[in-house]
Amino acid sequence: MPAPEPDDLRALGEKLDKARGITPKGDGGSSPGALGIAFRFATEFGAALFVGAGLGWLLDHWLHTAPIFIVVMFILGAAAGIRNVMRAAAELNAEAAKYPAPSVKDDDEE
Protein backbone atom coordinates (compact mmCIF):
# COMPACT_ATOMS: atom_id res chain seq x y z
CA MET A 1 0.00 0.00 0.00
CA PRO A 2 1.55 3.35 -1.03
CA ALA A 3 2.07 6.06 1.59
CA PRO A 4 -0.51 8.89 1.47
CA GLU A 5 0.67 12.15 -0.01
CA PRO A 6 0.88 15.24 2.28
CA ASP A 7 -1.77 17.04 0.20
CA ASP A 8 -4.14 14.10 0.66
CA LEU A 9 -3.59 14.16 4.41
CA ARG A 10 -4.10 17.92 4.53
CA ALA A 11 -7.35 17.62 2.57
CA LEU A 12 -8.52 14.84 4.89
CA GLY A 13 -7.72 17.00 7.92
CA GLU A 14 -9.69 19.90 6.45
CA LYS A 15 -12.68 17.61 5.82
CA LEU A 16 -12.52 16.34 9.41
CA ASP A 17 -12.34 19.89 10.78
CA LYS A 18 -15.28 20.91 8.63
CA ALA A 19 -17.31 17.91 9.80
CA ARG A 20 -16.51 18.71 13.43
CA GLY A 21 -17.38 22.39 12.93
CA ILE A 22 -13.90 23.61 13.77
CA THR A 23 -12.81 26.87 12.16
CA PRO A 24 -9.07 26.92 11.52
CA LYS A 25 -7.15 29.97 12.74
CA GLY A 26 -5.09 32.00 10.31
CA ASP A 27 -1.64 31.04 11.56
CA GLY A 28 -2.57 27.71 13.12
CA GLY A 29 -1.50 28.89 16.59
CA SER A 30 -3.60 29.36 19.66
CA SER A 31 -4.52 32.69 21.15
CA PRO A 32 -2.22 34.04 23.86
CA GLY A 33 -3.08 33.28 27.46
CA ALA A 34 -3.49 35.76 30.27
CA LEU A 35 0.13 35.44 31.36
CA GLY A 36 1.37 36.07 27.81
CA ILE A 37 -0.80 39.15 27.47
CA ALA A 38 0.33 40.51 30.84
CA PHE A 39 3.97 39.91 29.94
CA ARG A 40 3.53 41.70 26.61
CA PHE A 41 1.89 44.71 28.28
CA ALA A 42 4.57 44.88 30.97
CA THR A 43 7.31 44.65 28.36
CA GLU A 44 5.77 47.37 26.20
CA PHE A 45 5.37 49.71 29.17
CA GLY A 46 8.71 48.93 30.81
CA ALA A 47 10.69 49.36 27.61
CA ALA A 48 9.17 52.79 26.98
CA LEU A 49 9.92 53.90 30.55
CA PHE A 50 13.48 52.59 30.36
CA VAL A 51 14.19 54.29 27.03
CA GLY A 52 12.63 57.59 28.17
CA ALA A 53 14.54 57.69 31.45
CA GLY A 54 17.76 56.59 29.73
CA LEU A 55 17.52 59.33 27.14
CA GLY A 56 16.78 61.85 29.89
CA TRP A 57 19.82 60.74 31.87
CA LEU A 58 22.01 60.99 28.77
CA LEU A 59 20.75 64.50 28.03
CA ASP A 60 21.31 65.58 31.64
CA HIS A 61 24.79 64.07 31.63
CA TRP A 62 25.70 65.65 28.28
CA LEU A 63 24.27 69.11 29.06
CA HIS A 64 25.32 69.13 32.75
CA THR A 65 21.85 70.10 33.88
CA ALA A 66 19.75 69.24 36.91
CA PRO A 67 17.66 66.08 36.58
CA ILE A 68 15.02 67.96 34.60
CA PHE A 69 15.47 65.88 31.45
CA ILE A 70 15.18 62.62 33.38
CA VAL A 71 11.82 63.76 34.76
CA VAL A 72 10.54 65.09 31.43
CA MET A 73 11.68 62.09 29.42
CA PHE A 74 10.38 59.68 32.07
CA ILE A 75 6.93 61.28 31.77
CA LEU A 76 7.13 61.12 27.97
CA GLY A 77 8.24 57.49 28.22
CA ALA A 78 5.27 56.71 30.47
CA ALA A 79 2.92 58.34 27.96
CA ALA A 80 4.49 56.37 25.13
CA GLY A 81 4.24 53.17 27.19
CA ILE A 82 0.56 53.73 27.90
CA ARG A 83 -0.03 54.40 24.21
CA ASN A 84 1.80 51.20 23.24
CA VAL A 85 -0.20 49.13 25.74
CA MET A 86 -3.47 50.59 24.45
CA ARG A 87 -2.40 49.83 20.86
CA ALA A 88 -1.48 46.25 21.80
CA ALA A 89 -4.81 45.80 23.61
CA ALA A 90 -6.72 47.05 20.57
CA GLU A 91 -4.76 44.65 18.37
CA LEU A 92 -5.55 41.71 20.66
CA ASN A 93 -9.23 42.70 20.83
CA ALA A 94 -9.44 42.91 17.04
CA GLU A 95 -7.85 39.46 16.74
CA ALA A 96 -10.25 38.01 19.32
CA ALA A 97 -13.26 39.54 17.54
CA LYS A 98 -12.48 37.48 14.44
CA TYR A 99 -13.31 34.29 16.32
CA PRO A 100 -16.43 34.81 18.46
CA ALA A 101 -16.96 32.46 21.37
CA PRO A 102 -19.67 29.83 20.85
CA SER A 103 -22.87 30.39 22.75
CA VAL A 104 -23.58 28.07 25.64
CA LYS A 105 -27.07 27.12 26.77
CA ASP A 106 -27.94 27.83 30.37
CA ASP A 107 -29.78 25.23 32.38
CA ASP A 108 -32.71 27.65 32.71
CA GLU A 109 -33.16 28.03 28.94
CA GLU A 110 -34.60 24.56 28.37
C-alpha atoms as a PDB file:
ATOM      1  CA  MET A   1       0.000   0.000   0.000  1.00  0.00           C
ATOM      2  CA  PRO A   2       1.550   3.346  -1.033  1.00  0.00           C
ATOM      3  CA  ALA A   3       2.068   6.061   1.594  1.00  0.00           C
ATOM      4  CA  PRO A   4      -0.506   8.886   1.472  1.00  0.00           C
ATOM      5  CA  GLU A   5       0.666  12.153  -0.012  1.00  0.00           C
ATOM      6  CA  PRO A   6       0.881  15.242   2.278  1.00  0.00           C
ATOM      7  CA  ASP A   7      -1.766  17.045   0.202  1.00  0.00           C
ATOM      8  CA  ASP A   8      -4.137  14.104   0.661  1.00  0.00           C
ATOM      9  CA  LEU A   9      -3.595  14.159   4.413  1.00  0.00           C
ATOM     10  CA  ARG A  10      -4.104  17.923   4.534  1.00  0.00           C
ATOM     11  CA  ALA A  11      -7.347  17.616   2.574  1.00  0.00           C
ATOM     12  CA  LEU A  12      -8.522  14.836   4.893  1.00  0.00           C
ATOM     13  CA  GLY A  13      -7.720  17.003   7.924  1.00  0.00           C
ATOM     14  CA  GLU A  14      -9.691  19.903   6.452  1.00  0.00           C
ATOM     15  CA  LYS A  15     -12.681  17.609   5.820  1.00  0.00           C
ATOM     16  CA  LEU A  16     -12.521  16.335   9.407  1.00  0.00           C
ATOM     17  CA  ASP A  17     -12.336  19.885  10.778  1.00  0.00           C
ATOM     18  CA  LYS A  18     -15.282  20.908   8.627  1.00  0.00           C
ATOM     19  CA  ALA A  19     -17.314  17.913   9.797  1.00  0.00           C
ATOM     20  CA  ARG A  20     -16.513  18.712  13.433  1.00  0.00           C
ATOM     21  CA  GLY A  21     -17.379  22.388  12.926  1.00  0.00           C
ATOM     22  CA  ILE A  22     -13.898  23.614  13.773  1.00  0.00           C
ATOM     23  CA  THR A  23     -12.813  26.869  12.165  1.00  0.00           C
ATOM     24  CA  PRO A  24      -9.069  26.925  11.524  1.00  0.00           C
ATOM     25  CA  LYS A  25      -7.149  29.968  12.744  1.00  0.00           C
ATOM     26  CA  GLY A  26      -5.095  32.000  10.314  1.00  0.00           C
ATOM     27  CA  ASP A  27      -1.642  31.045  11.559  1.00  0.00           C
ATOM     28  CA  GLY A  28      -2.572  27.712  13.125  1.00  0.00           C
ATOM     29  CA  GLY A  29      -1.498  28.893  16.588  1.00  0.00           C
ATOM     30  CA  SER A  30      -3.598  29.360  19.658  1.00  0.00           C
ATOM     31  CA  SER A  31      -4.523  32.693  21.147  1.00  0.00           C
ATOM     32  CA  PRO A  32      -2.220  34.040  23.865  1.00  0.00           C
ATOM     33  CA  GLY A  33      -3.081  33.281  27.459  1.00  0.00           C
ATOM     34  CA  ALA A  34      -3.494  35.762  30.268  1.00  0.00           C
ATOM     35  CA  LEU A  35       0.135  35.443  31.355  1.00  0.00           C
ATOM     36  CA  GLY A  36       1.368  36.073  27.812  1.00  0.00           C
ATOM     37  CA  ILE A  37      -0.803  39.147  27.468  1.00  0.00           C
ATOM     38  CA  ALA A  38       0.332  40.507  30.843  1.00  0.00           C
ATOM     39  CA  PHE A  39       3.970  39.906  29.938  1.00  0.00           C
ATOM     40  CA  ARG A  40       3.526  41.698  26.608  1.00  0.00           C
ATOM     41  CA  PHE A  41       1.887  44.707  28.277  1.00  0.00           C
ATOM     42  CA  ALA A  42       4.567  44.875  30.968  1.00  0.00           C
ATOM     43  CA  THR A  43       7.312  44.650  28.362  1.00  0.00           C
ATOM     44  CA  GLU A  44       5.767  47.370  26.201  1.00  0.00           C
ATOM     45  CA  PHE A  45       5.373  49.709  29.169  1.00  0.00           C
ATOM     46  CA  GLY A  46       8.709  48.930  30.813  1.00  0.00           C
ATOM     47  CA  ALA A  47      10.694  49.361  27.605  1.00  0.00           C
ATOM     48  CA  ALA A  48       9.166  52.786  26.975  1.00  0.00           C
ATOM     49  CA  LEU A  49       9.919  53.904  30.548  1.00  0.00           C
ATOM     50  CA  PHE A  50      13.476  52.591  30.360  1.00  0.00           C
ATOM     51  CA  VAL A  51      14.187  54.294  27.028  1.00  0.00           C
ATOM     52  CA  GLY A  52      12.632  57.586  28.167  1.00  0.00           C
ATOM     53  CA  ALA A  53      14.545  57.686  31.448  1.00  0.00           C
ATOM     54  CA  GLY A  54      17.762  56.594  29.726  1.00  0.00           C
ATOM     55  CA  LEU A  55      17.519  59.333  27.144  1.00  0.00           C
ATOM     56  CA  GLY A  56      16.775  61.847  29.893  1.00  0.00           C
ATOM     57  CA  TRP A  57      19.818  60.738  31.872  1.00  0.00           C
ATOM     58  CA  LEU A  58      22.007  60.995  28.770  1.00  0.00           C
ATOM     59  CA  LEU A  59      20.746  64.495  28.029  1.00  0.00           C
ATOM     60  CA  ASP A  60      21.314  65.577  31.639  1.00  0.00           C
ATOM     61  CA  HIS A  61      24.787  64.075  31.629  1.00  0.00           C
ATOM     62  CA  TRP A  62      25.698  65.647  28.281  1.00  0.00           C
ATOM     63  CA  LEU A  63      24.274  69.114  29.060  1.00  0.00           C
ATOM     64  CA  HIS A  64      25.324  69.135  32.747  1.00  0.00           C
ATOM     65  CA  THR A  65      21.848  70.097  33.885  1.00  0.00           C
ATOM     66  CA  ALA A  66      19.748  69.239  36.906  1.00  0.00           C
ATOM     67  CA  PRO A  67      17.658  66.079  36.584  1.00  0.00           C
ATOM     68  CA  ILE A  68      15.023  67.958  34.603  1.00  0.00           C
ATOM     69  CA  PHE A  69      15.471  65.880  31.452  1.00  0.00           C
ATOM     70  CA  ILE A  70      15.177  62.624  33.383  1.00  0.00           C
ATOM     71  CA  VAL A  71      11.821  63.763  34.758  1.00  0.00           C
ATOM     72  CA  VAL A  72      10.545  65.091  31.434  1.00  0.00           C
ATOM     73  CA  MET A  73      11.680  62.094  29.424  1.00  0.00           C
ATOM     74  CA  PHE A  74      10.376  59.679  32.075  1.00  0.00           C
ATOM     75  CA  ILE A  75       6.932  61.283  31.767  1.00  0.00           C
ATOM     76  CA  LEU A  76       7.127  61.125  27.966  1.00  0.00           C
ATOM     77  CA  GLY A  77       8.241  57.488  28.216  1.00  0.00           C
ATOM     78  CA  ALA A  78       5.267  56.712  30.473  1.00  0.00           C
ATOM     79  CA  ALA A  79       2.916  58.340  27.962  1.00  0.00           C
ATOM     80  CA  ALA A  80       4.490  56.368  25.128  1.00  0.00           C
ATOM     81  CA  GLY A  81       4.244  53.174  27.189  1.00  0.00           C
ATOM     82  CA  ILE A  82       0.560  53.729  27.900  1.00  0.00           C
ATOM     83  CA  ARG A  83      -0.028  54.400  24.212  1.00  0.00           C
ATOM     84  CA  ASN A  84       1.801  51.202  23.243  1.00  0.00           C
ATOM     85  CA  VAL A  85      -0.202  49.135  25.741  1.00  0.00           C
ATOM     86  CA  MET A  86      -3.465  50.595  24.446  1.00  0.00           C
ATOM     87  CA  ARG A  87      -2.402  49.831  20.861  1.00  0.00           C
ATOM     88  CA  ALA A  88      -1.482  46.251  21.796  1.00  0.00           C
ATOM     89  CA  ALA A  89      -4.807  45.798  23.609  1.00  0.00           C
ATOM     90  CA  ALA A  90      -6.719  47.049  20.571  1.00  0.00           C
ATOM     91  CA  GLU A  91      -4.756  44.647  18.373  1.00  0.00           C
ATOM     92  CA  LEU A  92      -5.554  41.708  20.661  1.00  0.00           C
ATOM     93  CA  ASN A  93      -9.233  42.703  20.826  1.00  0.00           C
ATOM     94  CA  ALA A  94      -9.438  42.912  17.039  1.00  0.00           C
ATOM     95  CA  GLU A  95      -7.848  39.455  16.743  1.00  0.00           C
ATOM     96  CA  ALA A  96     -10.254  38.008  19.321  1.00  0.00           C
ATOM     97  CA  ALA A  97     -13.260  39.536  17.536  1.00  0.00           C
ATOM     98  CA  LYS A  98     -12.476  37.477  14.440  1.00  0.00           C
ATOM     99  CA  TYR A  99     -13.307  34.290  16.325  1.00  0.00           C
ATOM    100  CA  PRO A 100     -16.428  34.813  18.463  1.00  0.00           C
ATOM    101  CA  ALA A 101     -16.961  32.456  21.367  1.00  0.00           C
ATOM    102  CA  PRO A 102     -19.669  29.832  20.848  1.00  0.00           C
ATOM    103  CA  SER A 103     -22.874  30.386  22.746  1.00  0.00           C
ATOM    104  CA  VAL A 104     -23.585  28.066  25.637  1.00  0.00           C
ATOM    105  CA  LYS A 105     -27.075  27.119  26.775  1.00  0.00           C
ATOM    106  CA  ASP A 106     -27.941  27.834  30.372  1.00  0.00           C
ATOM    107  CA  ASP A 107     -29.781  25.232  32.384  1.00  0.00           C
ATOM    108  CA  ASP A 108     -32.705  27.654  32.714  1.00  0.00           C
ATOM    109  CA  GLU A 109     -33.163  28.026  28.941  1.00  0.00           C
ATOM    110  CA  GLU A 110     -34.596  24.561  28.375  1.00  0.00           C
END
